[in-house]
C-alpha atoms as a PDB file:
ATOM      1  CA  MET A   1      33.127  32.747 -57.832  1.00  0.00           C
ATOM      2  CA  THR A   2      30.353  32.527 -60.383  1.00  0.00           C
ATOM      3  CA  PRO A   3      28.737  29.493 -60.817  1.00  0.00           C
ATOM      4  CA  ARG A   4      28.724  28.017 -64.389  1.00  0.00           C
ATOM      5  CA  ALA A   5      26.210  26.431 -66.253  1.00  0.00           C
ATOM      6  CA  TYR A   6      25.169  25.386 -69.801  1.00  0.00           C
ATOM      7  CA  GLN A   7      22.169  27.535 -71.577  1.00  0.00           C
ATOM      8  CA  LEU A   8      20.763  26.873 -75.009  1.00  0.00           C
ATOM      9  CA  THR A   9      18.216  28.215 -77.672  1.00  0.00           C
ATOM     10  CA  PRO A  10      14.607  26.335 -78.029  1.00  0.00           C
ATOM     11  CA  GLY A  11      14.791  25.859 -81.857  1.00  0.00           C
ATOM     12  CA  GLN A  12      18.061  26.456 -82.263  1.00  0.00           C
ATOM     13  CA  GLY A  13      19.439  23.400 -82.787  1.00  0.00           C
ATOM     14  CA  LEU A  14      22.837  21.658 -80.470  1.00  0.00           C
ATOM     15  CA  ALA A  15      25.164  24.331 -81.582  1.00  0.00           C
ATOM     16  CA  SER A  16      23.111  26.722 -79.533  1.00  0.00           C
ATOM     17  CA  LEU A  17      24.533  24.930 -76.494  1.00  0.00           C
ATOM     18  CA  GLU A  18      26.990  26.724 -74.842  1.00  0.00           C
ATOM     19  CA  ALA A  19      28.982  27.000 -71.385  1.00  0.00           C
ATOM     20  CA  THR A  20      27.914  30.197 -69.723  1.00  0.00           C
ATOM     21  CA  THR A  21      28.443  32.008 -65.928  1.00  0.00           C
ATOM     22  CA  ARG A  22      25.164  32.480 -63.557  1.00  0.00           C
ATOM     23  CA  PRO A  23      25.434  35.067 -60.963  1.00  0.00           C
ATOM     24  CA  ARG A  24      24.436  34.195 -57.552  1.00  0.00           C
ATOM     25  CA  SER A  25      20.267  35.443 -56.482  1.00  0.00           C
ATOM     26  CA  ALA A  26      19.475  36.084 -53.185  1.00  0.00           C
ATOM     27  CA  LEU A  27      17.236  33.240 -51.741  1.00  0.00           C
ATOM     28  CA  GLU A  28      13.422  34.267 -51.428  1.00  0.00           C
ATOM     29  CA  PRO A  29      12.188  33.228 -47.339  1.00  0.00           C
ATOM     30  CA  HIS A  30      10.865  29.985 -49.681  1.00  0.00           C
ATOM     31  CA  GLN A  31      13.958  28.676 -51.392  1.00  0.00           C
ATOM     32  CA  VAL A  32      17.017  26.364 -51.155  1.00  0.00           C
ATOM     33  CA  ARG A  33      19.977  26.486 -52.651  1.00  0.00           C
ATOM     34  CA  VAL A  34      21.299  23.203 -53.992  1.00  0.00           C
ATOM     35  CA  ALA A  35      25.138  22.233 -55.399  1.00  0.00           C
ATOM     36  CA  VAL A  36      24.239  20.037 -58.154  1.00  0.00           C
ATOM     37  CA  ARG A  37      26.518  16.823 -58.232  1.00  0.00           C
ATOM     38  CA  SER A  38      24.866  14.917 -61.585  1.00  0.00           C
ATOM     39  CA  VAL A  39      22.510  15.553 -63.990  1.00  0.00           C
ATOM     40  CA  SER A  40      21.351  13.040 -66.311  1.00  0.00           C
ATOM     41  CA  LEU A  41      20.088  13.932 -70.049  1.00  0.00           C
ATOM     42  CA  ASN A  42      16.343  12.453 -71.889  1.00  0.00           C
ATOM     43  CA  TYR A  43      15.321  12.937 -75.238  1.00  0.00           C
ATOM     44  CA  ARG A  44      13.149  16.049 -74.374  1.00  0.00           C
ATOM     45  CA  GLU A  45      16.367  17.983 -74.458  1.00  0.00           C
ATOM     46  CA  ILE A  46      16.683  17.362 -78.119  1.00  0.00           C
ATOM     47  CA  LEU A  47      13.362  18.361 -78.657  1.00  0.00           C
ATOM     48  CA  ILE A  48      13.335  21.554 -77.158  1.00  0.00           C
ATOM     49  CA  CYS A  49      17.002  22.089 -79.462  1.00  0.00           C
ATOM     50  CA  ARG A  50      15.424  21.330 -82.186  1.00  0.00           C
ATOM     51  CA  GLY A  51      11.974  23.859 -81.575  1.00  0.00           C
ATOM     52  CA  ASP A  52       9.842  20.566 -81.317  1.00  0.00           C
ATOM     53  CA  TYR A  53       8.792  20.668 -77.757  1.00  0.00           C
ATOM     54  CA  PRO A  54       6.486  23.456 -76.241  1.00  0.00           C
ATOM     55  CA  ALA A  55       9.555  26.044 -74.248  1.00  0.00           C
ATOM     56  CA  PRO A  56       9.708  29.342 -75.416  1.00  0.00           C
ATOM     57  CA  PRO A  57      12.137  30.617 -78.419  1.00  0.00           C
ATOM     58  CA  ASP A  58      12.787  34.181 -77.370  1.00  0.00           C
ATOM     59  CA  ARG A  59      15.289  33.297 -74.325  1.00  0.00           C
ATOM     60  CA  PRO A  60      18.461  30.696 -73.841  1.00  0.00           C
ATOM     61  CA  VAL A  61      17.183  28.381 -70.508  1.00  0.00           C
ATOM     62  CA  VAL A  62      19.837  26.253 -69.090  1.00  0.00           C
ATOM     63  CA  PRO A  63      18.689  22.445 -70.056  1.00  0.00           C
ATOM     64  CA  CYS A  64      17.664  19.282 -67.676  1.00  0.00           C
ATOM     65  CA  SER A  65      14.831  18.566 -65.870  1.00  0.00           C
ATOM     66  CA  ASP A  66      16.479  16.428 -64.005  1.00  0.00           C
ATOM     67  CA  GLY A  67      19.651  16.428 -61.256  1.00  0.00           C
ATOM     68  CA  ALA A  68      20.275  15.663 -58.238  1.00  0.00           C
ATOM     69  CA  GLY A  69      22.526  17.076 -55.265  1.00  0.00           C
ATOM     70  CA  THR A  70      23.546  18.836 -52.275  1.00  0.00           C
ATOM     71  CA  VAL A  71      21.355  21.578 -49.807  1.00  0.00           C
ATOM     72  CA  VAL A  72      24.356  24.344 -49.160  1.00  0.00           C
ATOM     73  CA  GLU A  73      21.872  27.338 -48.182  1.00  0.00           C
ATOM     74  CA  VAL A  74      18.196  27.683 -46.694  1.00  0.00           C
ATOM     75  CA  GLY A  75      15.271  30.582 -47.070  1.00  0.00           C
ATOM     76  CA  PRO A  76      13.623  31.380 -43.684  1.00  0.00           C
ATOM     77  CA  ALA A  77      10.005  29.305 -44.734  1.00  0.00           C
ATOM     78  CA  ALA A  78      11.939  26.811 -45.921  1.00  0.00           C
ATOM     79  CA  ALA A  79      14.071  25.813 -42.554  1.00  0.00           C
ATOM     80  CA  SER A  80      11.049  23.435 -40.694  1.00  0.00           C
ATOM     81  CA  ALA A  81      12.106  20.885 -44.569  1.00  0.00           C
ATOM     82  CA  TRP A  82      15.444  21.215 -45.571  1.00  0.00           C
ATOM     83  CA  ALA A  83      18.903  21.891 -43.908  1.00  0.00           C
ATOM     84  CA  VAL A  84      22.578  22.536 -45.314  1.00  0.00           C
ATOM     85  CA  GLY A  85      23.838  19.367 -46.183  1.00  0.00           C
ATOM     86  CA  ASP A  86      21.124  17.319 -47.654  1.00  0.00           C
ATOM     87  CA  PRO A  87      20.597  15.491 -50.427  1.00  0.00           C
ATOM     88  CA  VAL A  88      18.371  16.110 -52.955  1.00  0.00           C
ATOM     89  CA  VAL A  89      16.830  15.581 -55.945  1.00  0.00           C
ATOM     90  CA  GLY A  90      14.366  18.281 -58.014  1.00  0.00           C
ATOM     91  CA  SER A  91      10.954  17.210 -59.370  1.00  0.00           C
ATOM     92  CA  PHE A  92       9.857  17.406 -62.841  1.00  0.00           C
ATOM     93  CA  PHE A  93       6.729  19.152 -62.031  1.00  0.00           C
ATOM     94  CA  PRO A  94       8.104  22.398 -60.002  1.00  0.00           C
ATOM     95  CA  HIS A  95       4.236  22.816 -59.196  1.00  0.00           C
ATOM     96  CA  TRP A  96       3.232  19.705 -58.761  1.00  0.00           C
ATOM     97  CA  HIS A  97       3.858  18.609 -55.328  1.00  0.00           C
ATOM     98  CA  ASP A  98       1.381  15.773 -54.616  1.00  0.00           C
ATOM     99  CA  GLY A  99      -2.817  14.666 -55.932  1.00  0.00           C
ATOM    100  CA  GLU A 100      -4.570  14.669 -59.144  1.00  0.00           C
ATOM    101  CA  PRO A 101      -2.996  17.390 -61.534  1.00  0.00           C
ATOM    102  CA  THR A 102      -4.382  20.287 -62.820  1.00  0.00           C
ATOM    103  CA  PRO A 103      -3.469  22.474 -65.646  1.00  0.00           C
ATOM    104  CA  GLU A 104      -1.624  25.140 -63.484  1.00  0.00           C
ATOM    105  CA  ALA A 105       0.388  21.805 -61.462  1.00  0.00           C
ATOM    106  CA  ILE A 106       1.891  20.686 -65.012  1.00  0.00           C
ATOM    107  CA  ALA A 107       2.468  24.709 -66.675  1.00  0.00           C
ATOM    108  CA  VAL A 108       6.033  24.801 -65.496  1.00  0.00           C
ATOM    109  CA  THR A 109       8.919  22.227 -65.913  1.00  0.00           C
ATOM    110  CA  ALA A 110      12.551  22.654 -65.268  1.00  0.00           C
ATOM    111  CA  GLY A 111      14.818  22.770 -68.169  1.00  0.00           C
ATOM    112  CA  CYS A 112      11.932  24.013 -70.034  1.00  0.00           C
ATOM    113  CA  ASN A 113       9.929  27.261 -69.428  1.00  0.00           C
ATOM    114  CA  VAL A 114      11.974  27.898 -66.159  1.00  0.00           C
ATOM    115  CA  ASP A 115      15.913  27.156 -65.942  1.00  0.00           C
ATOM    116  CA  GLY A 116      16.660  23.704 -65.221  1.00  0.00           C
ATOM    117  CA  TRP A 117      20.093  21.518 -63.321  1.00  0.00           C
ATOM    118  CA  LEU A 118      22.675  21.519 -65.700  1.00  0.00           C
ATOM    119  CA  ALA A 119      24.300  24.379 -63.427  1.00  0.00           C
ATOM    120  CA  GLU A 120      26.489  23.684 -60.567  1.00  0.00           C
ATOM    121  CA  GLU A 121      24.479  25.821 -58.329  1.00  0.00           C
ATOM    122  CA  VAL A 122      20.325  26.038 -58.454  1.00  0.00           C
ATOM    123  CA  VAL A 123      17.936  27.855 -56.562  1.00  0.00           C
ATOM    124  CA  VAL A 124      14.197  26.421 -56.240  1.00  0.00           C
ATOM    125  CA  ASP A 125      11.000  26.539 -54.322  1.00  0.00           C
ATOM    126  CA  HIS A 126      11.754  24.011 -51.365  1.00  0.00           C
ATOM    127  CA  ARG A 127       8.439  22.038 -52.580  1.00  0.00           C
ATOM    128  CA  ALA A 128       9.908  20.934 -55.933  1.00  0.00           C
ATOM    129  CA  LEU A 129      12.597  19.443 -53.618  1.00  0.00           C
ATOM    130  CA  VAL A 130      12.709  15.429 -52.952  1.00  0.00           C
ATOM    131  CA  ARG A 131      14.677  13.758 -50.066  1.00  0.00           C
ATOM    132  CA  ILE A 132      17.214  11.429 -51.461  1.00  0.00           C
ATOM    133  CA  PRO A 133      16.848   7.642 -49.518  1.00  0.00           C
ATOM    134  CA  ALA A 134      20.021   6.638 -47.657  1.00  0.00           C
ATOM    135  CA  GLY A 135      22.385   4.419 -49.522  1.00  0.00           C
ATOM    136  CA  VAL A 136      20.712   6.039 -53.168  1.00  0.00           C
ATOM    137  CA  SER A 137      23.149   7.687 -55.094  1.00  0.00           C
ATOM    138  CA  HIS A 138      23.182  11.048 -56.234  1.00  0.00           C
ATOM    139  CA  THR A 139      23.427   9.419 -60.146  1.00  0.00           C
ATOM    140  CA  THR A 140      20.971   7.119 -59.577  1.00  0.00           C
ATOM    141  CA  ALA A 141      18.663  10.111 -58.221  1.00  0.00           C
ATOM    142  CA  ALA A 142      19.915  12.058 -61.339  1.00  0.00           C
ATOM    143  CA  CYS A 143      18.103   9.145 -63.405  1.00  0.00           C
ATOM    144  CA  ALA A 144      14.569   8.955 -61.483  1.00  0.00           C
ATOM    145  CA  PRO A 145      12.795  12.217 -62.110  1.00  0.00           C
ATOM    146  CA  CYS A 146      11.229  12.160 -65.748  1.00  0.00           C
ATOM    147  CA  ALA A 147      11.873   8.881 -67.424  1.00  0.00           C
ATOM    148  CA  GLY A 148      11.845   7.070 -63.550  1.00  0.00           C
ATOM    149  CA  VAL A 149       8.673   8.142 -62.296  1.00  0.00           C
ATOM    150  CA  THR A 150       7.485   8.299 -66.252  1.00  0.00           C
ATOM    151  CA  ALA A 151       7.864   3.991 -65.792  1.00  0.00           C
ATOM    152  CA  TRP A 152       6.873   4.606 -61.876  1.00  0.00           C
ATOM    153  CA  VAL A 153       3.491   6.088 -62.753  1.00  0.00           C
ATOM    154  CA  ALA A 154       2.304   3.697 -65.867  1.00  0.00           C
ATOM    155  CA  LEU A 155       2.650   0.537 -64.087  1.00  0.00           C
ATOM    156  CA  PHE A 156       1.559   1.379 -60.632  1.00  0.00           C
ATOM    157  CA  GLU A 157      -0.254   4.372 -60.146  1.00  0.00           C
ATOM    158  CA  THR A 158      -2.615   3.770 -63.768  1.00  0.00           C
ATOM    159  CA  ALA A 159      -2.367   0.476 -64.714  1.00  0.00           C
ATOM    160  CA  ARG A 160      -1.523  -1.299 -60.963  1.00  0.00           C
ATOM    161  CA  LEU A 161      -0.241  -3.507 -61.765  1.00  0.00           C
ATOM    162  CA  GLN A 162       0.276  -6.460 -59.632  1.00  0.00           C
ATOM    163  CA  ALA A 163       3.315  -9.434 -60.197  1.00  0.00           C
ATOM    164  CA  GLY A 164       1.991 -12.669 -63.244  1.00  0.00           C
ATOM    165  CA  ALA A 165       1.117  -9.333 -64.979  1.00  0.00           C
ATOM    166  CA  THR A 166       2.553  -8.504 -68.528  1.00  0.00           C
ATOM    167  CA  VAL A 167       4.285  -4.970 -69.327  1.00  0.00           C
ATOM    168  CA  LEU A 168       5.250  -4.664 -73.280  1.00  0.00           C
ATOM    169  CA  ILE A 169       7.878  -2.165 -73.662  1.00  0.00           C
ATOM    170  CA  GLN A 170       8.842  -0.378 -76.460  1.00  0.00           C
ATOM    171  CA  GLY A 171      12.830   1.442 -77.311  1.00  0.00           C
ATOM    172  CA  THR A 172      15.707   1.336 -74.928  1.00  0.00           C
ATOM    173  CA  GLY A 173      15.750   4.801 -73.571  1.00  0.00           C
ATOM    174  CA  GLY A 174      15.523   6.129 -70.004  1.00  0.00           C
ATOM    175  CA  VAL A 175      11.876   5.152 -70.104  1.00  0.00           C
ATOM    176  CA  ALA A 176      12.019   1.064 -71.187  1.00  0.00           C
ATOM    177  CA  MET A 177      15.017   1.178 -68.889  1.00  0.00           C
ATOM    178  CA  TRP A 178      13.289   1.854 -65.672  1.00  0.00           C
ATOM    179  CA  ALA A 179      10.207  -0.183 -66.455  1.00  0.00           C
ATOM    180  CA  ALA A 180      12.683  -3.439 -66.653  1.00  0.00           C
ATOM    181  CA  ARG A 181      14.016  -2.757 -63.167  1.00  0.00           C
ATOM    182  CA  LEU A 182      10.491  -2.413 -61.677  1.00  0.00           C
ATOM    183  CA  ALA A 183       9.474  -4.730 -63.496  1.00  0.00           C
ATOM    184  CA  ALA A 184      11.987  -7.330 -62.746  1.00  0.00           C
ATOM    185  CA  ALA A 185      11.702  -6.090 -58.954  1.00  0.00           C
ATOM    186  CA  SER A 186       8.259  -6.833 -58.509  1.00  0.00           C
ATOM    187  CA  GLY A 187       7.750  -9.906 -60.612  1.00  0.00           C
ATOM    188  CA  ILE A 188       6.041  -8.372 -63.983  1.00  0.00           C
ATOM    189  CA  LYS A 189       7.093 -10.022 -67.421  1.00  0.00           C
ATOM    190  CA  ALA A 190       8.761  -8.136 -69.240  1.00  0.00           C
ATOM    191  CA  VAL A 191       8.051  -7.859 -73.127  1.00  0.00           C
ATOM    192  CA  LEU A 192      10.467  -5.967 -74.957  1.00  0.00           C
ATOM    193  CA  ILE A 193      10.332  -4.344 -78.616  1.00  0.00           C
ATOM    194  CA  SER A 194      13.049  -2.960 -80.363  1.00  0.00           C
ATOM    195  CA  SER A 195      15.152  -2.194 -83.972  1.00  0.00           C
ATOM    196  CA  ASP A 196      17.956  -4.152 -82.074  1.00  0.00           C
ATOM    197  CA  ALA A 197      17.723  -7.073 -80.362  1.00  0.00           C
ATOM    198  CA  ALA A 198      21.462  -6.923 -78.622  1.00  0.00           C
ATOM    199  CA  LYS A 199      20.488  -3.429 -76.984  1.00  0.00           C
ATOM    200  CA  ALA A 200      16.773  -4.509 -75.622  1.00  0.00           C
ATOM    201  CA  ALA A 201      19.089  -7.209 -74.218  1.00  0.00           C
ATOM    202  CA  THR A 202      21.000  -5.818 -71.872  1.00  0.00           C
ATOM    203  CA  LEU A 203      17.298  -4.718 -70.192  1.00  0.00           C
ATOM    204  CA  GLN A 204      15.956  -8.216 -70.425  1.00  0.00           C
ATOM    205  CA  THR A 205      15.212  -9.768 -66.942  1.00  0.00           C
ATOM    206  CA  PRO A 206      14.783 -13.501 -67.032  1.00  0.00           C
ATOM    207  CA  GLY A 207      11.666 -15.069 -68.546  1.00  0.00           C
ATOM    208  CA  GLY A 208      11.141 -11.928 -70.491  1.00  0.00           C
ATOM    209  CA  VAL A 209      10.953 -11.816 -74.237  1.00  0.00           C
ATOM    210  CA  THR A 210      12.908  -9.448 -76.394  1.00  0.00           C
ATOM    211  CA  LEU A 211      11.520  -8.801 -80.102  1.00  0.00           C
ATOM    212  CA  ASN A 212      12.845  -7.165 -83.281  1.00  0.00           C
ATOM    213  CA  TYR A 213      10.182  -4.917 -84.533  1.00  0.00           C
ATOM    214  CA  LEU A 214      12.394  -4.384 -87.845  1.00  0.00           C
ATOM    215  CA  GLU A 215      12.634  -8.171 -88.221  1.00  0.00           C
ATOM    216  CA  ARG A 216       8.711  -9.401 -87.790  1.00  0.00           C
ATOM    217  CA  PRO A 217       6.164  -6.359 -88.462  1.00  0.00           C
ATOM    218  CA  ASP A 218       3.969  -8.402 -87.502  1.00  0.00           C
ATOM    219  CA  TRP A 219       5.212  -8.684 -84.046  1.00  0.00           C
ATOM    220  CA  SER A 220       2.140  -8.973 -82.468  1.00  0.00           C
ATOM    221  CA  GLU A 221       1.058 -12.472 -83.386  1.00  0.00           C
ATOM    222  CA  GLU A 222       4.726 -13.318 -81.316  1.00  0.00           C
ATOM    223  CA  VAL A 223       3.694 -11.677 -78.699  1.00  0.00           C
ATOM    224  CA  LEU A 224       0.562 -12.943 -78.585  1.00  0.00           C
ATOM    225  CA  ARG A 225       2.567 -16.753 -79.186  1.00  0.00           C
ATOM    226  CA  SER A 226       4.236 -15.806 -76.034  1.00  0.00           C
ATOM    227  CA  THR A 227       1.439 -15.142 -73.726  1.00  0.00           C
ATOM    228  CA  GLY A 228      -0.738 -18.156 -74.487  1.00  0.00           C
ATOM    229  CA  GLY A 229      -3.120 -15.669 -76.205  1.00  0.00           C
ATOM    230  CA  ARG A 230      -3.526 -13.354 -73.503  1.00  0.00           C
ATOM    231  CA  GLY A 231      -1.807 -10.587 -74.942  1.00  0.00           C
ATOM    232  CA  VAL A 232      -0.054  -7.351 -72.370  1.00  0.00           C
ATOM    233  CA  ASP A 233      -1.911  -5.886 -69.519  1.00  0.00           C
ATOM    234  CA  LEU A 234      -0.033  -3.241 -70.198  1.00  0.00           C
ATOM    235  CA  VAL A 235       1.626  -1.202 -73.015  1.00  0.00           C
ATOM    236  CA  LEU A 236       4.736   1.731 -72.860  1.00  0.00           C
ATOM    237  CA  GLU A 237       4.145   3.016 -76.062  1.00  0.00           C
ATOM    238  CA  LEU A 238       6.316   5.386 -77.208  1.00  0.00           C
ATOM    239  CA  GLY A 239       6.608   4.602 -80.851  1.00  0.00           C
ATOM    240  CA  GLY A 240       4.124   6.522 -81.407  1.00  0.00           C
ATOM    241  CA  ASN A 241       1.869   6.184 -85.389  1.00  0.00           C
ATOM    242  CA  ALA A 242       5.139   3.392 -86.053  1.00  0.00           C
ATOM    243  CA  THR A 243       3.747   1.130 -83.180  1.00  0.00           C
ATOM    244  CA  ILE A 244       0.422   1.853 -82.106  1.00  0.00           C
ATOM    245  CA  ARG A 245      -1.188  -1.004 -84.401  1.00  0.00           C
ATOM    246  CA  GLU A 246       0.376  -3.394 -83.579  1.00  0.00           C
ATOM    247  CA  SER A 247       0.349  -2.400 -79.978  1.00  0.00           C
ATOM    248  CA  LEU A 248      -3.051  -2.472 -79.193  1.00  0.00           C
ATOM    249  CA  ARG A 249      -3.186  -5.813 -81.545  1.00  0.00           C
ATOM    250  CA  ALA A 250      -1.391  -7.441 -78.914  1.00  0.00           C
ATOM    251  CA  LEU A 251      -3.215  -5.863 -75.796  1.00  0.00           C
ATOM    252  CA  ALA A 252      -5.542  -8.390 -73.952  1.00  0.00           C
ATOM    253  CA  PHE A 253      -8.982  -7.904 -73.294  1.00  0.00           C
ATOM    254  CA  ARG A 254      -9.540  -4.603 -70.614  1.00  0.00           C
ATOM    255  CA  GLY A 255      -5.779  -4.118 -71.417  1.00  0.00           C
ATOM    256  CA  GLN A 256      -4.170  -0.416 -70.996  1.00  0.00           C
ATOM    257  CA  VAL A 257      -2.745   1.271 -73.658  1.00  0.00           C
ATOM    258  CA  ALA A 258      -0.076   4.125 -71.452  1.00  0.00           C
ATOM    259  CA  VAL A 259       1.000   7.192 -74.511  1.00  0.00           C
ATOM    260  CA  ILE A 260       4.098   8.184 -73.773  1.00  0.00           C
ATOM    261  CA  GLY A 261       5.867   9.208 -76.961  1.00  0.00           C
ATOM    262  CA  GLY A 262       5.459   9.388 -80.215  1.00  0.00           C
ATOM    263  CA  LEU A 263       9.387   8.969 -81.827  1.00  0.00           C
ATOM    264  CA  GLY A 264       7.194   7.221 -84.860  1.00  0.00           C
ATOM    265  CA  GLY A 265       5.115   9.970 -85.923  1.00  0.00           C
ATOM    266  CA  TRP A 266       2.092  11.885 -83.388  1.00  0.00           C
ATOM    267  CA  THR A 267      -0.460  11.177 -85.884  1.00  0.00           C
ATOM    268  CA  TYR A 268      -1.714   7.567 -84.901  1.00  0.00           C
ATOM    269  CA  ASP A 269      -3.767   7.621 -88.253  1.00  0.00           C
ATOM    270  CA  SER A 270      -2.772   3.659 -88.145  1.00  0.00           C
ATOM    271  CA  MET A 271      -4.759   3.132 -85.307  1.00  0.00           C
ATOM    272  CA  GLU A 272      -7.889   0.611 -84.934  1.00  0.00           C
ATOM    273  CA  TYR A 273     -10.197   1.965 -83.119  1.00  0.00           C
ATOM    274  CA  LEU A 274     -12.020  -1.260 -83.273  1.00  0.00           C
ATOM    275  CA  GLN A 275      -9.505  -3.659 -81.296  1.00  0.00           C
ATOM    276  CA  LEU A 276      -9.561  -0.603 -78.400  1.00  0.00           C
ATOM    277  CA  ILE A 277     -13.566  -1.064 -78.846  1.00  0.00           C
ATOM    278  CA  THR A 278     -14.076  -4.779 -78.646  1.00  0.00           C
ATOM    279  CA  LYS A 279     -11.192  -5.316 -76.378  1.00  0.00           C
ATOM    280  CA  MET A 280     -12.747  -2.575 -74.295  1.00  0.00           C
ATOM    281  CA  ALA A 281      -8.983  -1.340 -73.885  1.00  0.00           C
ATOM    282  CA  THR A 282      -7.919   2.021 -71.719  1.00  0.00           C
ATOM    283  CA  LEU A 283      -5.460   4.208 -73.634  1.00  0.00           C
ATOM    284  CA  HIS A 284      -4.699   7.904 -72.262  1.00  0.00           C
ATOM    285  CA  GLY A 285      -2.075  10.109 -72.356  1.00  0.00           C
ATOM    286  CA  LEU A 286       1.018  10.204 -69.477  1.00  0.00           C
ATOM    287  CA  TYR A 287       2.924  13.167 -68.635  1.00  0.00           C
ATOM    288  CA  VAL A 288       5.222  12.224 -65.889  1.00  0.00           C
ATOM    289  CA  GLY A 289       4.049  12.383 -62.118  1.00  0.00           C
ATOM    290  CA  SER A 290       4.295  14.861 -59.019  1.00  0.00           C
ATOM    291  CA  ALA A 291       7.156  15.070 -56.374  1.00  0.00           C
ATOM    292  CA  ARG A 292       5.315  12.658 -54.445  1.00  0.00           C
ATOM    293  CA  SER A 293       5.558   9.621 -57.188  1.00  0.00           C
ATOM    294  CA  LEU A 294       8.961  10.666 -57.535  1.00  0.00           C
ATOM    295  CA  ALA A 295       9.475  10.239 -53.324  1.00  0.00           C
ATOM    296  CA  GLU A 296       8.201   7.180 -53.565  1.00  0.00           C
ATOM    297  CA  LEU A 297       9.567   5.496 -56.635  1.00  0.00           C
ATOM    298  CA  LEU A 298      12.857   6.496 -54.752  1.00  0.00           C
ATOM    299  CA  THR A 299      11.831   4.479 -51.650  1.00  0.00           C
ATOM    300  CA  PHE A 300      11.088   1.399 -53.978  1.00  0.00           C
ATOM    301  CA  VAL A 301      14.503   1.842 -54.857  1.00  0.00           C
ATOM    302  CA  GLN A 302      16.176   1.752 -51.709  1.00  0.00           C
ATOM    303  CA  GLN A 303      13.828  -1.383 -50.856  1.00  0.00           C
ATOM    304  CA  HIS A 304      15.416  -3.356 -54.044  1.00  0.00           C
ATOM    305  CA  GLN A 305      18.621  -1.652 -54.104  1.00  0.00           C
ATOM    306  CA  LEU A 306      17.835  -0.832 -58.092  1.00  0.00           C
ATOM    307  CA  GLN A 307      20.632   0.624 -59.879  1.00  0.00           C
ATOM    308  CA  PRO A 308      19.844   2.766 -63.161  1.00  0.00           C
ATOM    309  CA  HIS A 309      21.224   1.051 -66.758  1.00  0.00           C
ATOM    310  CA  VAL A 310      23.651   3.792 -67.288  1.00  0.00           C
ATOM    311  CA  ALA A 311      25.061   3.951 -70.862  1.00  0.00           C
ATOM    312  CA  ALA A 312      27.613   6.663 -70.734  1.00  0.00           C
ATOM    313  CA  ARG A 313      28.950   9.441 -67.644  1.00  0.00           C
ATOM    314  CA  PHE A 314      30.520  12.450 -69.393  1.00  0.00           C
ATOM    315  CA  ALA A 315      33.086  14.727 -67.222  1.00  0.00           C
ATOM    316  CA  TRP A 316      31.298  18.868 -67.095  1.00  0.00           C
ATOM    317  CA  ASP A 317      33.302  20.013 -70.462  1.00  0.00           C
ATOM    318  CA  ASP A 318      32.250  17.239 -72.260  1.00  0.00           C
ATOM    319  CA  ALA A 319      28.743  18.120 -72.326  1.00  0.00           C
ATOM    320  CA  PRO A 320      28.195  18.811 -75.459  1.00  0.00           C
ATOM    321  CA  ALA A 321      29.457  15.576 -76.386  1.00  0.00           C
ATOM    322  CA  ALA A 322      26.880  13.703 -73.871  1.00  0.00           C
ATOM    323  CA  PHE A 323      24.116  16.053 -76.186  1.00  0.00           C
ATOM    324  CA  ARG A 324      25.899  14.874 -79.265  1.00  0.00           C
ATOM    325  CA  LEU A 325      25.677  11.142 -77.886  1.00  0.00           C
ATOM    326  CA  LEU A 326      21.886  11.718 -76.759  1.00  0.00           C
ATOM    327  CA  GLU A 327      20.909  13.057 -80.229  1.00  0.00           C
ATOM    328  CA  ALA A 328      22.640   9.868 -82.077  1.00  0.00           C
ATOM    329  CA  GLY A 329      20.028   7.984 -80.226  1.00  0.00           C
ATOM    330  CA  ARG A 330      22.845   4.356 -80.444  1.00  0.00           C
ATOM    331  CA  HIS A 331      22.436   4.634 -76.089  1.00  0.00           C
ATOM    332  CA  VAL A 332      21.171   2.019 -73.810  1.00  0.00           C
ATOM    333  CA  GLY A 333      18.691   3.827 -70.863  1.00  0.00           C
ATOM    334  CA  LYS A 334      20.637   6.461 -69.450  1.00  0.00           C
ATOM    335  CA  ILE A 335      23.358   9.514 -70.304  1.00  0.00           C
ATOM    336  CA  VAL A 336      25.072  11.122 -67.257  1.00  0.00           C
ATOM    337  CA  ILE A 337      26.820  14.727 -66.582  1.00  0.00           C
ATOM    338  CA  ASP A 338      28.564  14.179 -63.281  1.00  0.00           C
ATOM    339  CA  VAL A 339      28.555  18.085 -62.678  1.00  0.00           C
ATOM    340  CA  ALA A 340      30.833  18.023 -59.293  1.00  0.00           C
END
């Protein structure tokens, strides 16, 4: 039976998403064939559809960077690492296995310039896979490679937050959801900023603070009040130009801003550089992480029995509806497509 897949053409909108089939190809020695069980969506998929993301526009691509499944065939050079039946999840960057990032390591991303996971079967380099720990479901693992790793790297690898620290989280999407879950499990106080307080409350943890930035355009003042005037140790900056000014005002001395998104604009012309200077703060770009980071996140998930907040699950035939929900932006957390 020929495996089914979905494909879309970058820059051609959601209307280009269509069901198709992909012929089975023979494995190279270093490759592994995976029967996909679960796929989760990221807003990046919408940006690729719109042509707002650096994806090659000259050919259709199988979308979705985040997927998990079961190994069904192993190439000879991968046999020491994997066996048929192993539960696995794909890394966002197939070529960034460990260590510091390089231009070469982050040049390729699944679902962008190579085919992604929205298929019944995928064939990948065995080093691009991470083993799913016992007790962690395929769904949980499939929600982790992009949004989960981004939150993990921001909180623990870059900012190195400890219990008692405070993180400001913007929005209610996948990164926000994972950041709230990880903060709660680590004793880190979360301040959630959203245009919808009810949605943000879905992710909030005991002792945290939820603010509606539409009702409080000067929300940094409330953040400072809630932290006794100190400010937050880390900002997960997802709003971009619409939020960066208030983010810097809410930041503690020597605090950090992890620039992850630009939903309110990428120009950042509202930034007050004096805040950055006088607080001796650090602002840095963050672009997901390595396969090792994914493995460490999943170990943490296993140890703390964390579950992502899944807003909606869709069957294979309803995948276009999942993308429409993603584009509408009314969900909280993650959207999942059950492949098998």
